[in-house]
């Protein structure tokens, strides 16, 4: 199970918890005294974990099962799963995973000439009596390794940072 970071509660989070408590009272799950006591705790809460404790025995708005997310603070998908998807997309595009550290990954891609292209360039060099060799050398020197760091923050946002090419 994903354990989200304990973030400070905002006004939107407190309003959402108050709405869940009001819905619980309207559905007959809470008495008037219990509603008042919990609303007092809502306004005194500093962290989202405190708000989760207040409504842990009530269903979230619009759900029959107990699901609780703070829409202003946390993503619905754990950061490591978001990173898995970003890595899969890069691998599909020809990148290779070099390292992975928690919610960060280092991807690399070679932009050089493939072995099949070397054979084609060699044939063109022979057919053009070495004139094509200039194109071959320029093309081979232009390639290199591209490195990209992918990271996912606590809010589920993906950040891409590309470093300069290496020969």
C-alpha atoms as a PDB file:
ATOM      1  CA  UNK A   1       0.000   0.000   0.000  1.00  0.00           C
ATOM      2  CA  UNK A   2       1.254   3.482  -0.861  1.00  0.00           C
ATOM      3  CA  UNK A   3       1.964   5.667   2.144  1.00  0.00           C
ATOM      4  CA  UNK A   4       1.584   9.305   1.039  1.00  0.00           C
ATOM      5  CA  UNK A   5       3.731  12.007   2.622  1.00  0.00           C
ATOM      6  CA  UNK A   6       2.189  13.816   5.583  1.00  0.00           C
ATOM      7  CA  UNK A   7       1.442  17.226   4.098  1.00  0.00           C
ATOM      8  CA  UNK A   8       0.034  20.257   5.836  1.00  0.00           C
ATOM      9  CA  UNK A   9      -3.740  20.549   5.461  1.00  0.00           C
ATOM     10  CA  UNK A  10      -5.169  23.403   3.420  1.00  0.00           C
ATOM     11  CA  UNK A  11      -8.545  25.118   3.407  1.00  0.00           C
ATOM     12  CA  UNK A  12      -9.731  22.963   0.496  1.00  0.00           C
ATOM     13  CA  UNK A  13      -8.857  19.813   2.458  1.00  0.00           C
ATOM     14  CA  UNK A  14     -10.738  21.037   5.546  1.00  0.00           C
ATOM     15  CA  UNK A  15     -13.785  21.964   3.412  1.00  0.00           C
ATOM     16  CA  UNK A  16     -13.757  18.503   1.838  1.00  0.00           C
ATOM     17  CA  UNK A  17     -13.626  16.789   5.249  1.00  0.00           C
ATOM     18  CA  UNK A  18     -16.443  19.040   6.491  1.00  0.00           C
ATOM     19  CA  UNK A  19     -18.538  17.999   3.475  1.00  0.00           C
ATOM     20  CA  UNK A  20     -17.872  14.304   4.210  1.00  0.00           C
ATOM     21  CA  UNK A  21     -18.909  14.821   7.845  1.00  0.00           C
ATOM     22  CA  UNK A  22     -22.073  16.688   6.801  1.00  0.00           C
ATOM     23  CA  UNK A  23     -22.956  13.876   4.394  1.00  0.00           C
ATOM     24  CA  UNK A  24     -22.366  11.354   7.204  1.00  0.00           C
ATOM     25  CA  UNK A  25     -24.662  13.318   9.495  1.00  0.00           C
ATOM     26  CA  UNK A  26     -27.340  13.573   6.783  1.00  0.00           C
ATOM     27  CA  UNK A  27     -27.125   9.796   6.199  1.00  0.00           C
ATOM     28  CA  UNK A  28     -27.593   9.108   9.929  1.00  0.00           C
ATOM     29  CA  UNK A  29     -24.040   7.851  10.487  1.00  0.00           C
ATOM     30  CA  UNK A  30     -23.193  10.626  12.988  1.00  0.00           C
ATOM     31  CA  UNK A  31     -25.117  12.238  15.825  1.00  0.00           C
ATOM     32  CA  UNK A  32     -25.270  16.039  16.176  1.00  0.00           C
ATOM     33  CA  UNK A  33     -22.825  15.948  19.123  1.00  0.00           C
ATOM     34  CA  UNK A  34     -20.351  13.768  17.247  1.00  0.00           C
ATOM     35  CA  UNK A  35     -20.611  16.027  14.176  1.00  0.00           C
ATOM     36  CA  UNK A  36     -19.861  19.112  16.286  1.00  0.00           C
ATOM     37  CA  UNK A  37     -16.907  17.416  17.995  1.00  0.00           C
ATOM     38  CA  UNK A  38     -15.402  16.258  14.697  1.00  0.00           C
ATOM     39  CA  UNK A  39     -15.881  19.667  13.061  1.00  0.00           C
ATOM     40  CA  UNK A  40     -13.957  21.215  15.959  1.00  0.00           C
ATOM     41  CA  UNK A  41     -11.102  18.752  15.291  1.00  0.00           C
ATOM     42  CA  UNK A  42     -11.231  19.584  11.565  1.00  0.00           C
ATOM     43  CA  UNK A  43     -10.542  23.265  12.232  1.00  0.00           C
ATOM     44  CA  UNK A  44      -7.741  22.403  14.683  1.00  0.00           C
ATOM     45  CA  UNK A  45      -6.026  19.883  12.353  1.00  0.00           C
ATOM     46  CA  UNK A  46      -2.619  20.822  10.987  1.00  0.00           C
ATOM     47  CA  UNK A  47      -1.774  17.801   8.812  1.00  0.00           C
ATOM     48  CA  UNK A  48      -3.718  15.763   6.255  1.00  0.00           C
ATOM     49  CA  UNK A  49      -3.153  12.615   8.320  1.00  0.00           C
ATOM     50  CA  UNK A  50      -5.172  14.209  11.149  1.00  0.00           C
ATOM     51  CA  UNK A  51      -8.010  14.894   8.709  1.00  0.00           C
ATOM     52  CA  UNK A  52      -7.890  11.300   7.448  1.00  0.00           C
ATOM     53  CA  UNK A  53      -8.258  10.067  11.041  1.00  0.00           C
ATOM     54  CA  UNK A  54     -11.388  12.189  11.535  1.00  0.00           C
ATOM     55  CA  UNK A  55     -13.220  10.589   8.589  1.00  0.00           C
ATOM     56  CA  UNK A  56     -11.616   7.132   8.447  1.00  0.00           C
ATOM     57  CA  UNK A  57     -14.884   5.422   9.495  1.00  0.00           C
ATOM     58  CA  UNK A  58     -17.010   7.288   6.900  1.00  0.00           C
ATOM     59  CA  UNK A  59     -17.258   6.714   3.146  1.00  0.00           C
ATOM     60  CA  UNK A  60     -15.846   9.438   0.904  1.00  0.00           C
ATOM     61  CA  UNK A  61     -18.233  11.612  -1.057  1.00  0.00           C
ATOM     62  CA  UNK A  62     -19.591   9.797  -4.114  1.00  0.00           C
ATOM     63  CA  UNK A  63     -18.145   6.410  -3.082  1.00  0.00           C
ATOM     64  CA  UNK A  64     -19.735   3.435  -1.399  1.00  0.00           C
ATOM     65  CA  UNK A  65     -16.450   1.983  -0.242  1.00  0.00           C
ATOM     66  CA  UNK A  66     -13.950   3.776   1.963  1.00  0.00           C
ATOM     67  CA  UNK A  67     -11.702   5.680  -0.397  1.00  0.00           C
ATOM     68  CA  UNK A  68      -9.986   8.845   0.707  1.00  0.00           C
ATOM     69  CA  UNK A  69      -7.820  11.186  -1.346  1.00  0.00           C
ATOM     70  CA  UNK A  70      -7.093  14.835  -0.784  1.00  0.00           C
ATOM     71  CA  UNK A  71      -7.604  16.285  -4.244  1.00  0.00           C
ATOM     72  CA  UNK A  72      -5.554  19.402  -3.594  1.00  0.00           C
ATOM     73  CA  UNK A  73      -2.539  17.523  -2.265  1.00  0.00           C
ATOM     74  CA  UNK A  74      -2.038  13.967  -3.461  1.00  0.00           C
ATOM     75  CA  UNK A  75      -2.243  12.052  -6.731  1.00  0.00           C
ATOM     76  CA  UNK A  76      -4.597   9.076  -6.973  1.00  0.00           C
ATOM     77  CA  UNK A  77      -1.719   6.904  -8.253  1.00  0.00           C
ATOM     78  CA  UNK A  78       1.442   6.289  -6.172  1.00  0.00           C
ATOM     79  CA  UNK A  79       4.567   8.061  -7.520  1.00  0.00           C
ATOM     80  CA  UNK A  80       6.412   4.786  -8.208  1.00  0.00           C
ATOM     81  CA  UNK A  81       3.577   3.669 -10.521  1.00  0.00           C
ATOM     82  CA  UNK A  82       3.625   7.021 -12.321  1.00  0.00           C
ATOM     83  CA  UNK A  83       7.386   6.592 -12.790  1.00  0.00           C
ATOM     84  CA  UNK A  84       6.859   3.020 -14.084  1.00  0.00           C
ATOM     85  CA  UNK A  85       4.525   4.373 -16.777  1.00  0.00           C
ATOM     86  CA  UNK A  86       6.972   7.134 -17.766  1.00  0.00           C
ATOM     87  CA  UNK A  87       9.809   4.581 -18.020  1.00  0.00           C
ATOM     88  CA  UNK A  88       7.644   2.261 -20.148  1.00  0.00           C
ATOM     89  CA  UNK A  89       6.874   5.119 -22.534  1.00  0.00           C
ATOM     90  CA  UNK A  90      10.562   5.950 -22.918  1.00  0.00           C
ATOM     91  CA  UNK A  91      11.553   2.292 -23.431  1.00  0.00           C
ATOM     92  CA  UNK A  92       8.924   2.062 -26.193  1.00  0.00           C
ATOM     93  CA  UNK A  93      10.606   5.056 -27.867  1.00  0.00           C
ATOM     94  CA  UNK A  94      14.014   3.349 -27.854  1.00  0.00           C
ATOM     95  CA  UNK A  95      15.444   4.556 -24.545  1.00  0.00           C
ATOM     96  CA  UNK A  96      17.200   2.251 -22.080  1.00  0.00           C
ATOM     97  CA  UNK A  97      16.893   2.366 -18.276  1.00  0.00           C
ATOM     98  CA  UNK A  98      20.331   2.905 -16.768  1.00  0.00           C
ATOM     99  CA  UNK A  99      19.531   3.534 -13.069  1.00  0.00           C
ATOM    100  CA  UNK A 100      16.506   3.902 -10.835  1.00  0.00           C
ATOM    101  CA  UNK A 101      16.487   5.469  -7.370  1.00  0.00           C
ATOM    102  CA  UNK A 102      13.100   5.633  -5.639  1.00  0.00           C
ATOM    103  CA  UNK A 103      11.072   8.164  -7.595  1.00  0.00           C
ATOM    104  CA  UNK A 104      13.861   8.996 -10.081  1.00  0.00           C
ATOM    105  CA  UNK A 105      15.185   7.180 -13.118  1.00  0.00           C
ATOM    106  CA  UNK A 106      18.083   7.764 -15.503  1.00  0.00           C
ATOM    107  CA  UNK A 107      17.385   6.873 -19.136  1.00  0.00           C
ATOM    108  CA  UNK A 108      19.938   6.765 -21.974  1.00  0.00           C
ATOM    109  CA  UNK A 109      19.611   6.609 -25.753  1.00  0.00           C
ATOM    110  CA  UNK A 110      22.286   6.164 -28.411  1.00  0.00           C
ATOM    111  CA  UNK A 111      21.841   8.449 -31.383  1.00  0.00           C
ATOM    112  CA  UNK A 112      24.728   7.022 -33.400  1.00  0.00           C
ATOM    113  CA  UNK A 113      24.846   4.855 -36.496  1.00  0.00           C
ATOM    114  CA  UNK A 114      23.461   1.331 -36.298  1.00  0.00           C
ATOM    115  CA  UNK A 115      25.437  -1.627 -37.707  1.00  0.00           C
ATOM    116  CA  UNK A 116      23.083  -1.818 -40.713  1.00  0.00           C
ATOM    117  CA  UNK A 117      23.725   1.859 -41.469  1.00  0.00           C
ATOM    118  CA  UNK A 118      27.505   1.254 -41.304  1.00  0.00           C
ATOM    119  CA  UNK A 119      27.151  -1.444 -43.978  1.00  0.00           C
ATOM    120  CA  UNK A 120      25.084   0.886 -46.174  1.00  0.00           C
ATOM    121  CA  UNK A 121      27.641   3.688 -45.748  1.00  0.00           C
ATOM    122  CA  UNK A 122      30.490   1.294 -46.590  1.00  0.00           C
ATOM    123  CA  UNK A 123      28.725   0.228 -49.803  1.00  0.00           C
ATOM    124  CA  UNK A 124      28.069   3.863 -50.768  1.00  0.00           C
ATOM    125  CA  UNK A 125      31.739   4.693 -50.111  1.00  0.00           C
ATOM    126  CA  UNK A 126      32.869   1.858 -52.402  1.00  0.00           C
ATOM    127  CA  UNK A 127      30.382   2.799 -55.142  1.00  0.00           C
ATOM    128  CA  UNK A 128      31.287   6.501 -55.086  1.00  0.00           C
ATOM    129  CA  UNK A 129      35.041   5.823 -54.950  1.00  0.00           C
ATOM    130  CA  UNK A 130      35.473   7.169 -51.416  1.00  0.00           C
ATOM    131  CA  UNK A 131      33.484  10.383 -51.925  1.00  0.00           C
ATOM    132  CA  UNK A 132      30.746   9.150 -49.591  1.00  0.00           C
ATOM    133  CA  UNK A 133      33.309   8.655 -46.800  1.00  0.00           C
ATOM    134  CA  UNK A 134      32.980  12.345 -45.851  1.00  0.00           C
ATOM    135  CA  UNK A 135      29.232  11.924 -45.229  1.00  0.00           C
ATOM    136  CA  UNK A 136      29.892   8.727 -43.286  1.00  0.00           C
ATOM    137  CA  UNK A 137      32.448  10.385 -40.981  1.00  0.00           C
ATOM    138  CA  UNK A 138      30.233  13.439 -40.353  1.00  0.00           C
ATOM    139  CA  UNK A 139      27.239  11.228 -39.600  1.00  0.00           C
ATOM    140  CA  UNK A 140      29.271   9.004 -37.249  1.00  0.00           C
ATOM    141  CA  UNK A 141      30.688  12.019 -35.354  1.00  0.00           C
ATOM    142  CA  UNK A 142      27.256  13.625 -34.955  1.00  0.00           C
ATOM    143  CA  UNK A 143      25.891  10.727 -32.886  1.00  0.00           C
ATOM    144  CA  UNK A 144      26.342  10.125 -29.175  1.00  0.00           C
ATOM    145  CA  UNK A 145      24.584   9.213 -25.973  1.00  0.00           C
ATOM    146  CA  UNK A 146      21.680  11.285 -24.712  1.00  0.00           C
ATOM    147  CA  UNK A 147      20.936  11.055 -20.994  1.00  0.00           C
ATOM    148  CA  UNK A 148      17.632  12.024 -19.402  1.00  0.00           C
ATOM    149  CA  UNK A 149      16.620  12.087 -15.734  1.00  0.00           C
ATOM    150  CA  UNK A 150      12.941  11.445 -14.999  1.00  0.00           C
ATOM    151  CA  UNK A 151      11.583  12.255 -11.539  1.00  0.00           C
ATOM    152  CA  UNK A 152       8.126  12.264  -9.942  1.00  0.00           C
ATOM    153  CA  UNK A 153       7.358  14.690  -7.126  1.00  0.00           C
ATOM    154  CA  UNK A 154       4.975  14.126  -4.186  1.00  0.00           C
ATOM    155  CA  UNK A 155       2.093  15.604  -6.197  1.00  0.00           C
ATOM    156  CA  UNK A 156       2.493  13.082  -9.049  1.00  0.00           C
ATOM    157  CA  UNK A 157       3.982  15.546 -11.549  1.00  0.00           C
ATOM    158  CA  UNK A 158       6.608  14.107 -13.897  1.00  0.00           C
ATOM    159  CA  UNK A 159       9.766  16.160 -14.480  1.00  0.00           C
ATOM    160  CA  UNK A 160      12.153  15.484 -17.408  1.00  0.00           C
ATOM    161  CA  UNK A 161      15.704  16.849 -17.443  1.00  0.00           C
ATOM    162  CA  UNK A 162      17.956  16.197 -20.401  1.00  0.00           C
ATOM    163  CA  UNK A 163      21.716  16.475 -20.043  1.00  0.00           C
ATOM    164  CA  UNK A 164      24.100  17.405 -22.888  1.00  0.00           C
ATOM    165  CA  UNK A 165      25.079  14.665 -25.348  1.00  0.00           C
ATOM    166  CA  UNK A 166      28.159  12.601 -24.652  1.00  0.00           C
ATOM    167  CA  UNK A 167      30.356  11.219 -27.427  1.00  0.00           C
END
